[in-house]
Every structure is written in structure tokens, then in C-alpha cells.
Amino acid sequence: MSVPVIEARGLWSRYGDTVIHKNLDLTVQRGQMVGLVGGSGSGKTTLLREVVGLLRPWKGAVHLFGEPLHSGDPGKDRHLRQRFGMLFQQGALYSALSVFDNVAFPLREMGIRDLDLLRDLVHLKLAMVELEPRHGGLKPAELSGGMVKRVALARALALEPELLILDEPTAGLDPDRSDGFVRLIRELQSELGFTVIMVTHDLPTLLGLSTHIAALADQRIVAFGPPEAVRQVDHPFIRNFFGAGRSAADSP
């Protein structure tokens, strides 16, 4: 089997005296689309931040693409960061920059200065998320919620990452825009083959995107596998999460 894209072993996380994760293990293989679910305060976002190196776990280790995070070698750490992209919950676009410059930002950070090449790359990324070159001149305040998500996705894909990290990707979208965004991510993943790890509380998004689900409860991953297998696990959180989701989905 190939080297896992994400391998977390024996993670302990805490804030002050409060332990969030206790001896947590998680392995994500290349090409998987993993939905991470858990109750409020279970540490889903904390785990995402540890996976991308924004936080250090109290104990344990995280490897990306077989390489340790926080290696102490700035060059290696920079190279690892270039291999993943992140879509933040509210998009996190730079409000003072145009759409074009938001998408161009990571490309410029990579040292691309040729204006023609930069323009072509930005327009390509916008086209990938079904936006047109004319949208490049808009500011984030002029965008709809759905367009903010698409621009943020274009920026996350700017460096052609092998791993895409999604934090509540459809939060704030109405059902039609949410469905369209799920379709877009699924089509891009099929075309580009990147791996996904996603935090979401939205059941249609979870089931529409995930090849695997990781259920976070009791300070650890209590179930991991294909959606139908995880739904059969006899655990209070899983029963409540999927039971509540089915009831909501079935209601008129």
C-alpha cells in the first residue's frame, strides 16, 4: 500500500487543563474523501489545524505524505505546505484584494512574477470553479456567498495540491447552492485526483462527498470507514448524528 497522505498517531491535544483528544489515531489514504464529524467541542477544527501544522499536538505525531510535520527544516516544512490547500469556513478572502489577486496570492508567494503566466493561471483556476475572467475584478464584498466559496476554492487549488482540506465547505449556502458546490468539488476531485479531509455537520454534504467517514467522540476516532459501515456502528454519537439527520431529511 502507498504511503498515507495523513497519518496521525497517538495524538493528545489540550487547552490548559482541558484534554480535547486522547491517544487519537487517523490514517487517510491517497484519493480518499474523508468526512470528519463530531459533536460541538469534540475538537474537529483542532484536529484539522494539527493535520496542517497550524497547531502542535501536546503528544503524538502527524505525518503528511510520509514526512513529519515540524521537522525543524524550514525548506521541508515549506515544501509540505505547498502540497495541500485549505478552504476555510467563511472563505477567508482578503477583503482589500480583488478576486484575481486573491487567487494569485499563493502563486506570487511561490515566486511567479511573469504577468502573462500569472493571468493565465488565475483564469484557469477561475474556470475550474465555473467563474469567468470578468469576475477577477470584483472585490469579496461584491460576491454572493456561493461565489465567495468558489473563489476560495480556486485559491485553495492554485498550487495544484495533492490534499484539499475543507472546513464546513457548504456552511451558509442555501440547498441549491450547496448541492452545486458539492457537485463541483466531486467533479474536480474525479478529474484531479486529490485527497480530501472535510469537517461538516451537514448530512447531505457529508454523504454527497465522502468516500469515508471519521467519527470523533470520546476524545478519539470511534469509527472510520465507508458511510454505510459507519452508520451501523453502535455508538451514542453516531446514532444521534445520523438519526437526527435522517429525521431532518425526511421531514416535509
Foldseek 3Di string as FASTA:
>chain_A
DADFQKWWFQFWADDVPRTQAGGATDTHHFLFAEEEEEDPSNCPVVVVCCQLVVDPTPDTWMDGSNHTAPPVDVVVNVVSNLQFFEQDQQLPFDQVAFLLCSLLVVVVVVPDDPPVVSLVLSQVLLVLLPHHSVSRRHGPVPDDSLVSLSSSVSSRCSSPHQEYEYEASCPPHDPVSSVVVLVSVQVVCVVSRHYYYYYHLQVCSCLSHGQKYFYRDPNYGPDIGGPVVQCPDPDVVSCVSVVVNVVVVPDD
